[in-house]
Amino acid sequence: MSDDTLTGIPAAGLIDRTTLYIGGAWVAPRGEGVIEVVDPATEQVLATVPAGDAKDVDTAVAAARAALPGWSRTTPAKRRFHLDRLHRALLGRAEEIAATISAETGTPLEAARAVQAALPAAVVSSYADLLTGSASRDAAGSSVIKEPVGVVAAITSGGDPLHRIATTVGGALAAGATVVLKPSGSAPLSAYILAEILHGIGLPAGVFNLVTGTGPVAGEALVAHPGVVMVSFTGSPRVGRRIAEAAATFTRRSLDVDGRSVVVLPGADLPDAVRRTVGEAMAGGGRARTAPTRLLVPADRCDEAVELARAATEEYTVGAPDDPATRVGPLSSLARRDRVRACLEQAVAEGARLVTGGPEAPDHLPVGAYVRPTVLAGVTEGMAVAREEIPGPVLLVMAYRDEEEALRIAGTTGRGASAAVFAGTRATAVEFARRMDVGTVVINGGSAYPHAPSAGTRQSGSGGEPEVLRLDDFQWTRSLRF
């Protein structure tokens, strides 16, 4: 197949969203219901997608199982060929992808271009690069071989939908596994674009399958299906726990959920730490899995930190996604907006002090899933808001008296996906970070290393998110003894 066939992929507006993609074809759903996809900026219905049921899931898993023998035996070079074509096609439709994700999630359009459309293509390209020379990467030689795990169930959240999909689907395809994807019900439209692309580049039938539906019906049927060998999920702890309960006992699970605190130690550059923390907490409307929600500062500098956080937060303009001046758009769904507002109301009722923002809708945006960028002070460990993640642009400033108290507060949620530490020296920050029960710790605002492990601890996961770009997440290790 020549690269010219890529130009024949239809635009998103022509995608038939009344069907599912199973076994290399667009098929009518067995389930009879539909899910409305709502624009969180306008509260208007963008589209409807099928509410697939257990029969649809069963058909998709059967297609993935049927395709597995052939796909798992393809060479790394052949799999790279498909991933390279997928990468080019994603770049070719980047503007459409950005506009679609902006509409279905409320992400400001400029951020959608720079992150939501760019990261999936970069992830796919990185997985393709990992396939170069993969046949000889094991030091043990021919006595140790890697084989794909089998059928992977990918269940994704709506915060940054295509990036999360790409980390799982790209890795599974690179490893020789097959996939059944159930995207977020609130943001499934970009998944349809991906399905159109994979169909257009000639991916073998059944290697990738798309079933839309609700979590309690399609999601639970998928994770509990005996034909599924691995479940990959990124999202809330509540849903992650339910998936862990529903999955078959022999199923490999990669559950990556949220949880992040930022600890500022004595001697750190407080203005820099607060500025960086506010930027991560507010950027993207707080939708990122690693967006910090708790800023822990020494008690004798708490008032200073609160004022710095207020000033920095008030620089974040709330507005429509298509407004170039917007820095914080709407949340990804009306349900998420209502949840965040309820959390803020409860926090104030429990004694937290509202520094800026609050649960009310912005005056100029009475319609839509908008939440004011908010800073709360006077938050204590016993408050519900300190124990639960808030999926919105909200930052809690909490005081601590000594390092032991800081460690305890940072672990209050029982989750440990990631954290950050600011200190006067790297050595001091590293010493404190080693004492934290957290999978990934960012030191003094350092950047992420893409091939470093990012597995969470405790309730934050049981395998880490595949964005670390390793094929091992989707492979079994076997030993041949001679």
Protein backbone atom coordinates (compact mmCIF):
# COMPACT_ATOMS: atom_id res chain seq x y z
CA MET A 1 0.00 0.00 0.00
CA SER A 2 1.46 3.37 -0.99
CA ASP A 3 1.48 6.47 1.17
CA ASP A 4 -0.98 8.03 -1.28
CA THR A 5 -3.78 6.07 0.39
CA LEU A 6 -3.41 8.28 3.45
CA THR A 7 -5.05 11.14 1.57
CA GLY A 8 -8.22 9.08 1.23
CA ILE A 9 -9.01 9.04 4.95
CA PRO A 10 -12.28 10.92 5.45
CA ALA A 11 -12.45 14.00 7.64
CA ALA A 12 -13.92 13.77 11.14
CA GLY A 13 -17.18 15.33 10.00
CA LEU A 14 -17.80 12.37 7.70
CA ILE A 15 -17.19 9.70 10.34
CA ASP A 16 -20.30 7.62 10.91
CA ARG A 17 -20.69 7.80 14.69
CA THR A 18 -23.64 5.45 14.79
CA THR A 19 -21.34 2.45 14.38
CA LEU A 20 -18.52 0.65 16.17
CA TYR A 21 -15.22 -0.41 14.65
CA ILE A 22 -14.78 -4.17 15.06
CA GLY A 23 -12.83 -6.69 13.02
CA GLY A 24 -11.66 -4.13 10.47
CA ALA A 25 -15.14 -2.85 9.62
CA TRP A 26 -17.72 -0.33 10.80
CA VAL A 27 -20.55 -2.38 12.25
CA ALA A 28 -23.94 -1.68 13.77
CA PRO A 29 -23.98 -1.97 17.57
CA ARG A 30 -25.89 -4.73 19.30
CA GLY A 31 -26.77 -2.34 22.12
CA GLU A 32 -29.70 -0.04 21.47
CA GLY A 33 -28.83 3.05 23.52
CA VAL A 34 -26.74 6.10 22.65
CA ILE A 35 -24.42 8.40 24.58
CA GLU A 36 -24.64 12.14 24.03
CA VAL A 37 -21.30 13.92 23.69
CA VAL A 38 -21.75 17.40 25.13
CA ASP A 39 -19.60 20.44 24.37
CA PRO A 40 -18.57 21.53 27.89
CA ALA A 41 -18.21 25.15 26.77
CA THR A 42 -21.76 25.53 25.42
CA GLU A 43 -23.64 22.57 26.97
CA GLN A 44 -24.82 21.70 23.45
CA VAL A 45 -24.80 18.13 22.11
CA LEU A 46 -21.92 17.64 19.66
CA ALA A 47 -22.74 14.10 18.60
CA THR A 48 -24.11 10.80 19.78
CA VAL A 49 -22.18 7.54 19.87
CA PRO A 50 -23.43 3.99 20.44
CA ALA A 51 -23.84 2.70 23.97
CA GLY A 52 -22.25 -0.67 23.27
CA ASP A 53 -23.18 -3.62 25.46
CA ALA A 54 -21.68 -6.94 26.54
CA LYS A 55 -22.50 -8.53 23.17
CA ASP A 56 -20.57 -5.80 21.35
CA VAL A 57 -17.65 -6.31 23.72
CA ASP A 58 -17.74 -10.06 23.15
CA THR A 59 -17.66 -9.54 19.37
CA ALA A 60 -14.74 -7.13 19.64
CA VAL A 61 -12.71 -9.41 21.91
CA ALA A 62 -13.35 -12.32 19.56
CA ALA A 63 -12.05 -10.22 16.65
CA ALA A 64 -8.96 -9.24 18.62
CA ARG A 65 -8.29 -12.86 19.58
CA ALA A 66 -8.69 -13.99 15.98
CA ALA A 67 -6.19 -11.38 14.80
CA LEU A 68 -3.64 -12.09 17.51
CA PRO A 69 -1.82 -15.10 15.98
CA GLY A 70 -1.08 -13.28 12.74
CA TRP A 71 -0.21 -9.92 14.27
CA SER A 72 1.97 -11.38 17.04
CA ARG A 73 4.10 -13.15 14.42
CA THR A 74 4.79 -10.03 12.37
CA THR A 75 8.35 -8.77 12.42
CA PRO A 76 9.33 -5.63 14.33
CA ALA A 77 10.05 -4.03 10.97
CA LYS A 78 6.48 -4.70 9.78
CA ARG A 79 4.99 -3.31 12.97
CA ARG A 80 7.20 -0.26 12.68
CA PHE A 81 5.95 0.24 9.12
CA HIS A 82 2.40 0.55 10.41
CA LEU A 83 3.40 2.79 13.32
CA ASP A 84 5.34 5.09 11.02
CA ARG A 85 2.29 5.45 8.80
CA LEU A 86 0.11 6.07 11.83
CA HIS A 87 2.53 8.77 12.97
CA ARG A 88 2.42 10.56 9.60
CA ALA A 89 -1.37 10.33 9.44
CA LEU A 90 -1.74 11.79 12.93
CA LEU A 91 0.46 14.72 11.93
CA GLY A 92 -1.55 15.18 8.74
CA ARG A 93 -4.78 15.48 10.71
CA ALA A 94 -3.33 17.41 13.65
CA GLU A 95 -5.52 20.48 13.19
CA GLU A 96 -8.67 18.36 12.98
CA ILE A 97 -7.62 16.38 16.06
CA ALA A 98 -6.94 19.57 18.01
CA ALA A 99 -10.31 21.07 17.06
CA THR A 100 -12.15 17.86 17.93
CA ILE A 101 -10.50 17.45 21.33
CA SER A 102 -11.00 21.13 22.10
CA ALA A 103 -14.71 20.74 21.36
CA GLU A 104 -15.23 17.53 23.31
CA THR A 105 -13.06 18.34 26.35
CA GLY A 106 -13.04 22.14 26.56
CA THR A 107 -9.26 22.35 26.19
CA PRO A 108 -8.20 25.79 24.89
CA LEU A 109 -7.51 25.42 21.18
CA GLU A 110 -3.90 26.55 21.35
CA ALA A 111 -3.17 24.03 24.11
CA ALA A 112 -4.99 21.35 22.13
CA ARG A 113 -2.70 22.02 19.17
CA ALA A 114 0.47 22.08 21.24
CA VAL A 115 -0.32 19.12 23.52
CA GLN A 116 -3.43 17.12 22.68
CA ALA A 117 -2.64 16.74 18.98
CA ALA A 118 1.15 16.75 19.20
CA LEU A 119 1.74 14.23 22.01
CA PRO A 120 -0.10 11.25 20.45
CA ALA A 121 1.97 11.53 17.28
CA ALA A 122 5.18 11.83 19.32
CA VAL A 123 4.28 8.80 21.44
CA VAL A 124 3.57 6.65 18.38
CA SER A 125 6.86 7.72 16.81
CA SER A 126 8.74 6.83 19.99
CA TYR A 127 7.20 3.37 20.08
CA ALA A 128 8.24 2.90 16.46
CA ASP A 129 11.80 3.85 17.38
CA LEU A 130 11.81 1.26 20.17
CA LEU A 131 11.26 -1.45 17.59
CA THR A 132 14.59 -0.76 15.93
CA GLY A 133 16.90 -3.58 16.95
CA SER A 134 14.35 -4.96 19.44
CA ALA A 135 15.02 -8.55 18.40
CA SER A 136 18.49 -8.49 19.98
CA ARG A 137 18.00 -6.27 23.03
CA ASP A 138 18.04 -9.09 25.61
CA ALA A 139 21.45 -9.71 27.12
CA ALA A 140 20.57 -13.32 27.82
CA GLY A 141 20.46 -14.09 24.10
CA SER A 142 18.14 -16.73 22.70
CA SER A 143 17.34 -18.23 26.12
CA VAL A 144 14.99 -15.31 26.92
CA ILE A 145 12.26 -14.26 24.51
CA LYS A 146 9.53 -11.63 24.62
CA GLU A 147 6.01 -12.38 23.46
CA PRO A 148 2.94 -10.12 23.32
CA VAL A 149 0.59 -10.50 26.26
CA GLY A 150 -2.46 -11.08 24.06
CA VAL A 151 -5.63 -9.01 23.94
CA VAL A 152 -5.31 -5.65 25.71
CA ALA A 153 -8.37 -3.81 26.99
CA ALA A 154 -7.72 -0.06 26.90
CA ILE A 155 -10.05 2.10 29.00
CA THR A 156 -9.29 5.80 28.93
CA SER A 157 -10.46 8.94 30.70
CA GLY A 158 -11.64 12.16 29.10
CA GLY A 159 -9.03 14.62 30.33
CA ASP A 160 -6.53 14.27 27.48
CA PRO A 161 -8.14 11.43 25.55
CA LEU A 162 -5.99 10.75 22.50
CA HIS A 163 -2.70 10.96 24.37
CA ARG A 164 -3.84 8.30 26.84
CA ILE A 165 -5.13 6.18 23.98
CA ALA A 166 -1.84 6.51 22.09
CA THR A 167 0.24 5.40 25.07
CA THR A 168 -1.69 2.13 25.29
CA VAL A 169 -2.64 1.43 21.69
CA GLY A 170 0.78 2.43 20.35
CA GLY A 171 2.59 0.22 22.86
CA ALA A 172 0.31 -2.75 22.33
CA LEU A 173 0.63 -2.58 18.55
CA ALA A 174 4.41 -2.21 18.79
CA ALA A 175 4.64 -5.26 21.05
CA GLY A 176 2.49 -7.42 18.78
CA ALA A 177 -0.62 -7.40 20.97
CA THR A 178 -4.16 -6.63 19.82
CA VAL A 179 -6.50 -4.06 21.35
CA VAL A 180 -10.10 -3.38 22.26
CA LEU A 181 -10.52 0.29 23.12
CA LYS A 182 -13.36 1.73 25.18
CA PRO A 183 -12.82 5.49 25.24
CA SER A 184 -14.30 7.93 27.69
CA GLY A 185 -18.02 8.42 27.21
CA SER A 186 -17.59 12.17 27.54
CA ALA A 187 -14.78 12.44 24.97
CA PRO A 188 -14.93 9.58 22.43
CA LEU A 189 -14.77 11.56 19.19
CA SER A 190 -10.99 11.64 18.84
CA ALA A 191 -11.00 7.84 19.20
CA TYR A 192 -13.14 7.68 16.07
CA ILE A 193 -10.52 9.70 14.21
CA LEU A 194 -7.88 7.21 15.32
CA ALA A 195 -10.03 4.29 14.14
CA GLU A 196 -10.48 5.96 10.75
CA ILE A 197 -6.73 6.45 10.47
CA LEU A 198 -5.89 2.87 11.43
CA HIS A 199 -8.43 1.58 8.94
CA GLY A 200 -7.05 3.86 6.25
CA ILE A 201 -3.42 2.81 6.69
CA GLY A 202 -4.33 -0.84 6.27
CA LEU A 203 -3.85 -2.20 9.78
CA PRO A 204 -4.93 -5.86 9.65
CA ALA A 205 -8.55 -6.49 10.61
CA GLY A 206 -9.13 -7.13 14.29
CA VAL A 207 -5.81 -5.78 15.53
CA PHE A 208 -7.58 -2.63 16.74
CA ASN A 209 -11.23 -2.49 17.78
CA LEU A 210 -13.35 0.38 19.10
CA VAL A 211 -16.40 -0.08 21.34
CA THR A 212 -18.02 2.99 22.87
CA GLY A 213 -20.27 2.64 25.88
CA THR A 214 -20.73 3.35 29.56
CA GLY A 215 -18.37 2.13 32.27
CA PRO A 216 -20.93 0.03 34.16
CA VAL A 217 -21.99 -1.82 30.99
CA ALA A 218 -19.32 -1.91 28.27
CA GLY A 219 -16.42 -1.15 30.60
CA GLU A 220 -17.17 -3.86 33.12
CA ALA A 221 -17.93 -6.39 30.40
CA LEU A 222 -14.55 -5.67 28.85
CA VAL A 223 -12.39 -5.89 31.96
CA ALA A 224 -14.15 -9.06 33.14
CA HIS A 225 -13.99 -10.78 29.76
CA PRO A 226 -12.04 -14.07 29.89
CA GLY A 227 -10.49 -13.32 26.51
CA VAL A 228 -8.77 -10.17 27.81
CA VAL A 229 -5.27 -10.68 29.16
CA MET A 230 -4.34 -7.12 30.13
CA VAL A 231 -6.36 -4.10 31.26
CA SER A 232 -4.82 -0.66 30.90
CA PHE A 233 -6.61 2.22 32.60
CA THR A 234 -5.81 5.81 33.50
CA GLY A 235 -8.25 7.85 35.54
CA SER A 236 -9.84 8.26 38.93
CA PRO A 237 -9.08 6.04 41.96
CA ARG A 238 -12.77 5.17 42.29
CA VAL A 239 -12.96 3.75 38.78
CA GLY A 240 -9.55 2.14 39.14
CA ARG A 241 -10.68 0.24 42.23
CA ARG A 242 -13.81 -0.92 40.43
CA ILE A 243 -11.75 -2.18 37.49
CA ALA A 244 -9.43 -4.05 39.82
CA GLU A 245 -12.45 -5.72 41.41
CA ALA A 246 -14.11 -6.59 38.12
CA ALA A 247 -11.06 -7.87 36.25
CA ALA A 248 -10.44 -11.59 36.14
CA THR A 249 -7.94 -12.72 38.75
CA PHE A 250 -5.43 -13.82 36.10
CA THR A 251 -5.59 -10.59 34.13
CA ARG A 252 -2.52 -8.39 34.05
CA ARG A 253 -3.59 -4.90 35.13
CA SER A 254 -1.98 -1.51 34.54
CA LEU A 255 -4.03 0.90 36.62
CA ASP A 256 -2.66 4.41 36.83
CA VAL A 257 -4.66 6.91 38.87
CA ASP A 258 -4.10 10.34 40.29
CA GLY A 259 -2.53 11.78 43.42
CA ARG A 260 0.03 14.56 43.82
CA SER A 261 1.43 16.81 46.53
CA VAL A 262 4.13 19.46 46.26
CA VAL A 263 6.37 19.86 49.31
CA VAL A 264 8.39 23.05 49.73
CA LEU A 265 11.18 22.49 52.26
CA PRO A 266 12.85 25.24 54.34
CA GLY A 267 15.54 26.96 52.30
CA ALA A 268 13.76 26.49 48.95
CA ASP A 269 13.07 29.33 46.56
CA LEU A 270 9.46 29.84 47.64
CA PRO A 271 8.35 32.26 44.87
CA ASP A 272 9.71 29.92 42.19
CA ALA A 273 8.12 26.86 43.80
CA VAL A 274 4.72 28.53 44.10
CA ARG A 275 4.84 29.90 40.56
CA ARG A 276 5.65 26.49 39.11
CA THR A 277 3.04 24.74 41.22
CA VAL A 278 0.28 27.18 40.31
CA GLY A 279 1.20 26.81 36.64
CA GLU A 280 0.82 23.04 36.76
CA ALA A 281 -2.32 23.18 38.88
CA MET A 282 -4.13 25.63 36.61
CA ALA A 283 -2.82 24.63 33.18
CA GLY A 284 -5.37 22.60 31.29
CA GLY A 285 -8.00 23.37 33.91
CA GLY A 286 -6.30 20.98 36.33
CA ARG A 287 -7.30 18.06 34.12
CA ALA A 288 -3.82 16.48 33.95
CA ARG A 289 -3.38 13.31 36.02
CA THR A 290 -0.27 14.77 37.66
CA ALA A 291 -1.68 18.26 38.25
CA PRO A 292 -0.85 19.15 41.87
CA THR A 293 -3.67 19.88 44.27
CA ARG A 294 -1.79 20.24 47.60
CA LEU A 295 1.02 22.73 48.20
CA LEU A 296 2.74 21.97 51.52
CA VAL A 297 4.83 24.83 52.97
CA PRO A 298 6.56 25.51 56.29
CA ALA A 299 4.13 27.06 58.77
CA ASP A 300 6.27 30.19 59.22
CA ARG A 301 6.07 30.93 55.47
CA CYS A 302 2.45 29.92 54.90
CA ASP A 303 1.07 33.47 54.70
CA GLU A 304 3.71 34.40 52.14
CA ALA A 305 2.94 31.29 50.09
CA VAL A 306 -0.79 32.00 50.14
CA GLU A 307 -0.29 35.52 48.82
CA LEU A 308 2.08 34.30 46.10
CA ALA A 309 -0.43 31.63 45.07
CA ARG A 310 -3.28 34.15 44.96
CA ALA A 311 -1.35 36.56 42.75
CA ALA A 312 -0.19 33.83 40.37
CA THR A 313 -3.62 32.21 40.12
CA GLU A 314 -5.38 35.45 39.28
CA GLU A 315 -3.24 35.73 36.15
CA TYR A 316 -5.03 32.71 34.64
CA THR A 317 -7.83 33.96 32.39
CA VAL A 318 -10.96 31.80 32.16
CA GLY A 319 -12.67 31.78 28.80
CA ALA A 320 -13.97 29.93 25.78
CA PRO A 321 -11.63 27.35 24.21
CA ASP A 322 -11.45 29.23 20.90
CA ASP A 323 -10.43 32.55 22.52
CA PRO A 324 -6.64 33.05 22.15
CA ALA A 325 -6.58 34.89 25.49
CA THR A 326 -7.96 31.88 27.37
CA ARG A 327 -5.59 30.12 29.76
CA VAL A 328 -8.21 28.01 31.55
CA GLY A 329 -11.13 26.62 29.58
CA PRO A 330 -14.12 24.65 30.84
CA LEU A 331 -13.71 21.31 32.56
CA SER A 332 -14.20 18.24 30.39
CA SER A 333 -17.80 17.60 31.47
CA LEU A 334 -20.70 19.14 33.35
CA ALA A 335 -20.54 16.27 35.85
CA ARG A 336 -16.92 17.12 36.62
CA ARG A 337 -17.83 20.79 37.04
CA ASP A 338 -20.56 19.91 39.52
CA ARG A 339 -18.19 17.66 41.44
CA VAL A 340 -15.53 20.36 41.74
CA ARG A 341 -18.04 22.98 42.81
CA ALA A 342 -19.45 20.63 45.44
CA CYS A 343 -15.93 19.96 46.77
CA LEU A 344 -15.28 23.69 47.12
CA GLU A 345 -18.57 24.29 48.90
CA GLN A 346 -17.83 21.46 51.31
CA ALA A 347 -14.31 22.73 51.94
CA VAL A 348 -15.55 26.19 52.88
CA ALA A 349 -18.23 24.66 55.09
CA GLU A 350 -15.52 22.66 56.90
CA GLY A 351 -13.50 25.79 57.61
CA ALA A 352 -11.16 26.26 54.64
CA ARG A 353 -10.51 29.89 53.68
CA LEU A 354 -11.31 30.95 50.14
CA VAL A 355 -8.35 33.03 48.93
CA THR A 356 -9.42 33.52 45.33
CA GLY A 357 -11.90 31.88 42.97
CA GLY A 358 -14.71 29.84 44.45
CA PRO A 359 -17.58 27.53 43.50
CA GLU A 360 -19.65 30.11 41.63
CA ALA A 361 -19.57 30.25 37.85
CA PRO A 362 -17.46 33.07 36.38
CA ASP A 363 -19.66 36.14 35.91
CA HIS A 364 -19.12 36.26 32.13
CA LEU A 365 -19.58 32.51 31.65
CA PRO A 366 -22.89 31.46 33.18
CA VAL A 367 -23.24 28.55 30.73
CA GLY A 368 -20.73 25.74 30.42
CA ALA A 369 -18.53 23.58 32.63
CA TYR A 370 -16.50 26.50 33.91
CA VAL A 371 -14.84 26.69 37.32
CA ARG A 372 -12.94 29.67 38.66
CA PRO A 373 -9.21 29.06 39.29
CA THR A 374 -9.24 28.67 43.06
CA VAL A 375 -6.84 28.77 45.99
CA LEU A 376 -7.88 27.51 49.43
CA ALA A 377 -5.91 28.15 52.61
CA GLY A 378 -6.34 26.92 56.16
CA VAL A 379 -6.85 23.38 54.90
CA THR A 380 -6.14 20.63 57.45
CA GLU A 381 -5.66 16.89 57.13
CA GLY A 382 -9.10 16.10 58.50
CA MET A 383 -10.96 17.94 55.75
CA ALA A 384 -12.45 15.92 52.91
CA VAL A 385 -10.89 18.26 50.36
CA ALA A 386 -7.41 17.30 51.63
CA ARG A 387 -8.04 13.58 51.13
CA GLU A 388 -9.72 13.60 47.72
CA GLU A 389 -8.35 14.64 44.37
CA ILE A 390 -10.16 17.64 42.87
CA PRO A 391 -10.32 17.33 39.06
CA GLY A 392 -10.18 21.05 38.36
CA PRO A 393 -8.08 24.23 38.68
CA VAL A 394 -7.87 24.16 42.47
CA LEU A 395 -4.84 24.45 44.74
CA LEU A 396 -4.81 23.83 48.50
CA VAL A 397 -2.12 25.57 50.56
CA MET A 398 -1.36 23.53 53.69
CA ALA A 399 1.09 24.33 56.49
CA TYR A 400 3.41 21.84 58.18
CA ARG A 401 5.62 22.15 61.26
CA ASP A 402 8.39 19.65 60.46
CA GLU A 403 9.41 17.13 57.82
CA GLU A 404 7.65 14.24 59.52
CA GLU A 405 4.37 16.12 59.38
CA ALA A 406 5.00 17.03 55.74
CA LEU A 407 5.52 13.36 54.90
CA ARG A 408 2.33 12.40 56.69
CA ILE A 409 0.23 15.08 54.99
CA ALA A 410 1.65 14.20 51.58
CA GLY A 411 0.49 10.62 52.14
CA THR A 412 -2.98 11.53 53.41
CA THR A 413 -4.80 10.49 50.24
CA GLY A 414 -3.42 6.95 50.20
CA ARG A 415 -2.29 7.47 46.60
CA GLY A 416 1.18 7.95 45.24
CA ALA A 417 1.29 8.49 41.50
CA SER A 418 3.70 11.41 41.71
CA ALA A 419 4.90 14.29 43.86
CA ALA A 420 7.29 17.22 43.75
CA VAL A 421 9.86 18.50 46.19
CA PHE A 422 11.54 21.91 46.30
CA ALA A 423 14.58 22.43 48.52
CA GLY A 424 17.61 24.67 48.81
CA THR A 425 19.88 21.97 47.41
CA ARG A 426 19.37 18.95 45.22
CA ALA A 427 20.84 16.68 47.88
CA THR A 428 18.29 17.86 50.44
CA ALA A 429 15.42 17.35 47.99
CA VAL A 430 16.62 13.88 47.01
CA GLU A 431 16.99 12.80 50.64
CA PHE A 432 13.40 13.86 51.35
CA ALA A 433 12.08 12.34 48.09
CA ARG A 434 13.52 8.95 49.01
CA ARG A 435 11.36 8.94 52.14
CA MET A 436 8.15 9.54 50.18
CA ASP A 437 5.94 6.60 49.24
CA VAL A 438 5.49 7.87 45.69
CA GLY A 439 6.27 6.41 42.29
CA THR A 440 7.70 9.55 40.68
CA VAL A 441 9.12 12.62 42.42
CA VAL A 442 10.03 15.78 40.50
CA ILE A 443 13.00 17.54 42.08
CA ASN A 444 13.17 21.35 42.07
CA GLY A 445 10.95 21.66 39.02
CA GLY A 446 12.97 19.21 36.94
CA SER A 447 11.59 17.83 33.68
CA ALA A 448 10.43 14.26 33.12
CA TYR A 449 12.72 11.64 31.58
CA PRO A 450 10.53 9.73 29.10
CA HIS A 451 12.12 6.31 29.63
CA ALA A 452 12.11 6.42 33.43
CA PRO A 453 9.55 4.29 35.29
CA SER A 454 6.45 6.17 36.43
CA ALA A 455 4.52 3.50 38.30
CA GLY A 456 2.41 4.76 41.15
CA THR A 457 2.31 3.31 44.62
CA ARG A 458 -0.58 2.28 46.91
CA GLN A 459 -3.94 3.20 45.33
CA SER A 460 -2.29 5.00 42.42
CA GLY A 461 -1.66 1.93 40.34
CA SER A 462 -0.47 -1.60 39.91
CA GLY A 463 1.78 -1.35 36.93
CA GLY A 464 2.34 2.21 35.93
CA GLU A 465 1.15 4.01 32.89
CA PRO A 466 2.66 2.90 29.57
CA GLU A 467 3.67 6.47 28.73
CA VAL A 468 7.13 5.47 29.90
CA LEU A 469 7.40 3.94 26.43
CA ARG A 470 8.51 0.39 27.18
CA LEU A 471 7.44 -2.61 25.19
CA ASP A 472 7.76 -4.76 28.31
CA ASP A 473 4.43 -3.43 29.57
CA PHE A 474 2.71 -5.38 26.79
CA GLN A 475 4.88 -8.48 26.69
CA TRP A 476 5.46 -11.68 28.60
CA THR A 477 9.00 -12.81 29.31
CA ARG A 478 9.63 -16.47 28.55
CA SER A 479 12.72 -18.57 29.16
CA LEU A 480 13.91 -21.34 26.84
CA ARG A 481 16.34 -23.77 28.48
CA PHE A 482 18.70 -25.75 26.26
